[in-house]
Amino acid sequence: MSETVLITGANKGIGFEIARQLGQKGWTILLGARNKERGLAAINKLQAVGVTVELVMIDLNDLETIHAAADKIANVHPELKVLVNNAGIPGDMEAEPLETKTTDLQATLDVNVTGNFELIKSFTPILQKNHGRIVNMTIPAAGNRFFHPFAYCVSKSALNQMTKMFGDSFKSQHIPVEIFGAVPGGVTTDLNHHMDNRFMRSVEDGAGSVVKLILDHHNHQGKTVVRFGGLKLVKKVIVGH
């Protein structure tokens, strides 16, 4: 039996490419998408290259879709081994902190933090039966002088801290699920308006780094792992000084 992975936001970009690369390695892909038409279009592309794939409707703005997906997968795919929390929104990437609208910050947090929180809670009972993994797609919380969108960085900083605390909790409670953050580096996608410079990576390269992490046999519990090609760095989340 092949391994099964659920990837949210997998109808395009790095999520789609992770699905393609894992699918061509024999994995069964559960393709999470909030738009049925775009999800089915992505499935057709994957099936055309021999990938076994099914559509799962998930909208991180609608928690009921997360609960419904978890119930369905628990019954139809109880063998689920990996959850890749890839779906997210950028917020206003041009606004400085004082220019950021509260509504934009809240919308970004709703998806990138609350939505992923609900996914982790809903799918842990399935994954723990299979000693599974949860991979949260993220960025280094500090950002840098080239890339520092306020709402997005704030949301990913919260996600990184949440990853650490879930990891600590799973370890202390002996819950057999490994959770970690995956940082593939700057990847040219529509999330960043197809930003293209010498620091950016292709979707294929970025997804390849994440696939290597998913397939490795190292324990990354609670960590944020940065991979640029063959380089791996582990970022510790520190609270306070």
Protein backbone atom coordinates (compact mmCIF):
# COMPACT_ATOMS: atom_id res chain seq x y z
CA MET A 1 0.00 0.00 0.00
CA SER A 2 1.31 3.47 -0.90
CA GLU A 3 1.72 6.22 1.67
CA THR A 4 -1.01 8.87 1.77
CA VAL A 5 -0.53 12.62 2.18
CA LEU A 6 -2.97 15.51 2.46
CA ILE A 7 -1.66 18.79 1.07
CA THR A 8 -3.74 21.92 1.55
CA GLY A 9 -3.74 24.59 -1.12
CA ALA A 10 -2.33 22.06 -3.57
CA ASN A 11 -4.13 23.17 -6.71
CA LYS A 12 -1.26 25.53 -7.62
CA GLY A 13 2.23 26.74 -6.76
CA ILE A 14 4.51 24.90 -4.38
CA GLY A 15 1.63 22.81 -3.01
CA PHE A 16 0.88 21.44 -6.46
CA GLU A 17 4.55 20.72 -7.09
CA ILE A 18 4.93 18.88 -3.77
CA ALA A 19 1.90 16.81 -4.79
CA ARG A 20 3.42 16.07 -8.19
CA GLN A 21 6.81 15.06 -6.82
CA LEU A 22 5.40 12.86 -4.05
CA GLY A 23 2.79 11.40 -6.39
CA GLN A 24 5.45 10.37 -8.87
CA LYS A 25 7.23 8.62 -6.03
CA GLY A 26 4.15 6.47 -5.54
CA TRP A 27 2.31 8.40 -2.83
CA THR A 28 -1.48 8.75 -2.85
CA ILE A 29 -2.28 12.45 -2.92
CA LEU A 30 -5.25 14.03 -1.19
CA LEU A 31 -5.35 17.41 -2.86
CA GLY A 32 -6.83 20.09 -0.63
CA ALA A 33 -8.44 23.03 -2.42
CA ARG A 34 -11.10 25.61 -1.61
CA ASN A 35 -12.23 26.03 -5.22
CA LYS A 36 -13.68 22.88 -6.80
CA GLU A 37 -13.07 23.91 -10.41
CA ARG A 38 -9.40 24.73 -9.82
CA GLY A 39 -8.99 21.62 -7.71
CA LEU A 40 -10.35 19.38 -10.46
CA ALA A 41 -8.13 21.10 -13.04
CA ALA A 42 -5.09 20.33 -10.87
CA ILE A 43 -6.21 16.72 -10.46
CA ASN A 44 -6.45 16.33 -14.24
CA LYS A 45 -2.86 17.56 -14.61
CA LEU A 46 -1.59 15.17 -11.94
CA GLN A 47 -3.48 12.20 -13.29
CA ALA A 48 -2.00 12.93 -16.72
CA VAL A 49 1.47 12.21 -15.29
CA GLY A 50 0.37 9.05 -13.48
CA VAL A 51 -0.36 10.40 -10.01
CA THR A 52 -3.05 8.79 -7.83
CA VAL A 53 -4.97 11.76 -6.48
CA GLU A 54 -8.32 12.72 -4.94
CA LEU A 55 -9.89 16.11 -4.29
CA VAL A 56 -10.59 17.22 -0.71
CA MET A 57 -12.51 20.45 -0.30
CA ILE A 58 -10.87 22.57 2.42
CA ASP A 59 -11.19 26.32 2.98
CA LEU A 60 -9.14 27.60 5.91
CA ASN A 61 -11.62 30.44 6.30
CA ASP A 62 -14.40 27.91 6.88
CA LEU A 63 -13.59 25.66 9.83
CA GLU A 64 -16.55 23.40 9.06
CA THR A 65 -14.84 22.31 5.83
CA ILE A 66 -11.81 21.27 7.89
CA HIS A 67 -13.96 19.21 10.25
CA ALA A 68 -15.84 17.62 7.34
CA ALA A 69 -12.56 16.75 5.59
CA ALA A 70 -11.16 15.17 8.76
CA ASP A 71 -14.30 13.08 9.24
CA LYS A 72 -14.21 11.90 5.63
CA ILE A 73 -10.50 11.05 5.63
CA ALA A 74 -10.78 9.22 8.96
CA ASN A 75 -13.27 6.89 7.27
CA VAL A 76 -11.92 6.68 3.72
CA HIS A 77 -8.18 7.13 4.28
CA PRO A 78 -7.42 6.11 7.87
CA GLU A 79 -3.87 5.32 6.69
CA LEU A 80 -3.07 9.05 6.29
CA LYS A 81 0.64 9.48 7.06
CA VAL A 82 1.44 13.15 6.41
CA LEU A 83 -0.42 16.46 6.54
CA VAL A 84 1.26 19.35 4.71
CA ASN A 85 -0.22 22.66 5.83
CA ASN A 86 0.63 24.60 2.70
CA ALA A 87 -2.43 26.81 2.18
CA GLY A 88 -2.01 30.42 3.23
CA ILE A 89 -2.53 34.02 2.21
CA PRO A 90 0.05 36.82 1.99
CA GLY A 91 -1.91 39.78 3.27
CA ASP A 92 -0.88 43.18 1.95
CA MET A 93 2.78 42.62 1.14
CA GLU A 94 3.49 46.28 0.42
CA ALA A 95 2.10 47.89 3.60
CA GLU A 96 4.42 49.07 6.37
CA PRO A 97 3.28 48.21 9.92
CA LEU A 98 1.57 51.57 10.51
CA GLU A 99 -0.09 51.35 7.11
CA THR A 100 -1.46 47.85 7.66
CA LYS A 101 -5.21 47.68 8.07
CA THR A 102 -6.51 45.78 11.07
CA THR A 103 -8.89 43.89 8.79
CA ASP A 104 -5.98 42.72 6.62
CA LEU A 105 -3.95 41.56 9.62
CA GLN A 106 -6.98 39.72 11.04
CA ALA A 107 -7.74 38.02 7.72
CA THR A 108 -4.12 36.84 7.42
CA LEU A 109 -4.11 35.51 10.97
CA ASP A 110 -7.47 33.78 10.44
CA VAL A 111 -6.05 31.69 7.59
CA ASN A 112 -2.36 31.26 8.43
CA VAL A 113 -2.78 30.74 12.17
CA THR A 114 -6.34 29.81 13.12
CA GLY A 115 -6.95 27.70 10.03
CA ASN A 116 -3.74 25.74 10.50
CA PHE A 117 -4.44 25.39 14.22
CA GLU A 118 -7.77 23.77 13.41
CA LEU A 119 -6.13 21.47 10.85
CA ILE A 120 -3.55 20.31 13.38
CA LYS A 121 -6.21 19.61 16.01
CA SER A 122 -8.56 17.88 13.57
CA PHE A 123 -6.01 15.59 11.92
CA THR A 124 -3.79 14.65 14.89
CA PRO A 125 -6.18 11.83 15.98
CA ILE A 126 -5.82 10.24 12.52
CA LEU A 127 -2.08 10.78 12.22
CA GLN A 128 -1.22 9.47 15.69
CA LYS A 129 -2.57 6.06 14.74
CA ASN A 130 0.02 5.98 11.95
CA HIS A 131 2.93 7.70 13.72
CA GLY A 132 2.50 10.45 11.16
CA ARG A 133 3.96 13.87 10.44
CA ILE A 134 2.58 17.41 10.20
CA VAL A 135 4.59 19.79 8.02
CA ASN A 136 3.81 23.49 8.34
CA MET A 137 5.02 25.55 5.40
CA THR A 138 6.57 28.71 6.80
CA ILE A 139 9.31 31.33 6.70
CA PRO A 140 11.94 32.49 9.23
CA ALA A 141 9.93 34.75 11.54
CA ALA A 142 12.44 37.60 11.48
CA GLY A 143 12.18 38.20 7.75
CA ASN A 144 14.98 40.17 6.10
CA ARG A 145 15.58 43.50 4.37
CA PHE A 146 14.45 42.06 1.05
CA PHE A 147 11.25 40.42 2.31
CA HIS A 148 9.37 41.70 5.33
CA PRO A 149 5.61 41.93 4.67
CA PHE A 150 4.11 42.79 8.05
CA ALA A 151 0.89 40.73 8.25
CA TYR A 152 2.49 37.70 6.62
CA CYS A 153 5.57 37.74 8.88
CA VAL A 154 3.45 38.21 12.00
CA SER A 155 1.25 35.25 11.04
CA LYS A 156 4.20 32.97 10.25
CA SER A 157 5.94 33.97 13.49
CA ALA A 158 2.82 32.84 15.34
CA LEU A 159 2.74 29.63 13.29
CA ASN A 160 6.37 28.89 14.16
CA GLN A 161 5.69 29.36 17.86
CA MET A 162 2.58 27.20 17.59
CA THR A 163 4.64 24.48 15.90
CA LYS A 164 7.15 24.53 18.75
CA MET A 165 4.47 24.34 21.42
CA PHE A 166 2.59 21.52 19.70
CA GLY A 167 5.91 19.67 19.35
CA ASP A 168 6.69 20.13 23.05
CA SER A 169 3.19 18.99 23.96
CA PHE A 170 3.27 15.92 21.70
CA LYS A 171 6.60 14.92 23.24
CA SER A 172 5.51 15.40 26.86
CA GLN A 173 2.19 13.62 26.27
CA HIS A 174 3.81 10.79 24.27
CA ILE A 175 1.61 11.51 21.25
CA PRO A 176 3.29 9.74 18.31
CA VAL A 177 3.01 12.61 15.83
CA GLU A 178 5.95 14.69 14.64
CA ILE A 179 5.26 18.33 13.78
CA PHE A 180 7.73 20.77 12.29
CA GLY A 181 7.99 23.84 10.09
CA ALA A 182 9.52 23.63 6.62
CA VAL A 183 11.19 26.70 5.11
CA PRO A 184 12.00 26.13 1.43
CA GLY A 185 13.44 29.62 0.99
CA GLY A 186 12.18 32.28 -1.36
CA VAL A 187 10.12 30.54 -4.05
CA THR A 188 8.68 32.33 -7.07
CA THR A 189 4.88 31.90 -6.90
CA ASP A 190 1.76 34.03 -7.20
CA LEU A 191 1.86 34.49 -3.40
CA ASN A 192 4.72 36.96 -3.91
CA HIS A 193 3.52 38.18 -7.32
CA HIS A 194 6.06 35.91 -9.02
CA MET A 195 9.02 37.73 -7.49
CA ASP A 196 12.12 36.83 -9.46
CA ASN A 197 15.68 37.69 -8.45
CA ARG A 198 18.93 35.88 -7.75
CA PHE A 199 17.77 34.97 -4.23
CA MET A 200 14.58 33.27 -5.41
CA ARG A 201 14.21 29.56 -6.16
CA SER A 202 12.02 27.81 -8.69
CA VAL A 203 8.87 26.05 -7.55
CA GLU A 204 10.48 22.72 -8.48
CA ASP A 205 13.54 23.38 -6.30
CA GLY A 206 11.53 24.69 -3.35
CA ALA A 207 9.11 21.76 -3.44
CA GLY A 208 12.02 19.34 -3.81
CA SER A 209 13.49 20.57 -0.54
CA VAL A 210 10.19 19.98 1.25
CA VAL A 211 9.79 16.53 -0.28
CA LYS A 212 13.27 15.58 1.00
CA LEU A 213 12.21 16.65 4.49
CA ILE A 214 8.99 14.65 4.29
CA LEU A 215 10.90 11.54 3.22
CA ASP A 216 13.83 11.82 5.61
CA HIS A 217 14.09 9.75 8.78
CA HIS A 218 15.30 12.51 11.09
CA ASN A 219 13.33 13.82 14.04
CA HIS A 220 12.45 17.50 13.65
CA GLN A 221 9.90 17.66 16.46
CA GLY A 222 8.82 21.25 17.11
CA LYS A 223 11.58 22.75 14.97
CA THR A 224 11.57 25.12 12.04
CA VAL A 225 13.85 23.59 9.42
CA VAL A 226 15.35 25.76 6.69
CA ARG A 227 16.46 23.95 3.54
CA PHE A 228 18.18 25.56 0.61
CA GLY A 229 19.27 22.73 -1.68
CA GLY A 230 21.57 20.49 0.38
CA LEU A 231 21.89 22.95 3.29
CA LYS A 232 19.81 22.38 6.39
CA LEU A 233 19.55 24.84 9.25
CA VAL A 234 17.40 24.49 12.35
CA LYS A 235 15.92 27.66 13.79
CA LYS A 236 15.06 27.61 17.49
CA VAL A 237 12.04 29.64 18.50
CA ILE A 238 12.94 31.79 21.48
CA VAL A 239 10.41 33.61 23.64
CA GLY A 240 11.62 36.55 25.72
CA HIS A 241 15.24 37.51 26.31
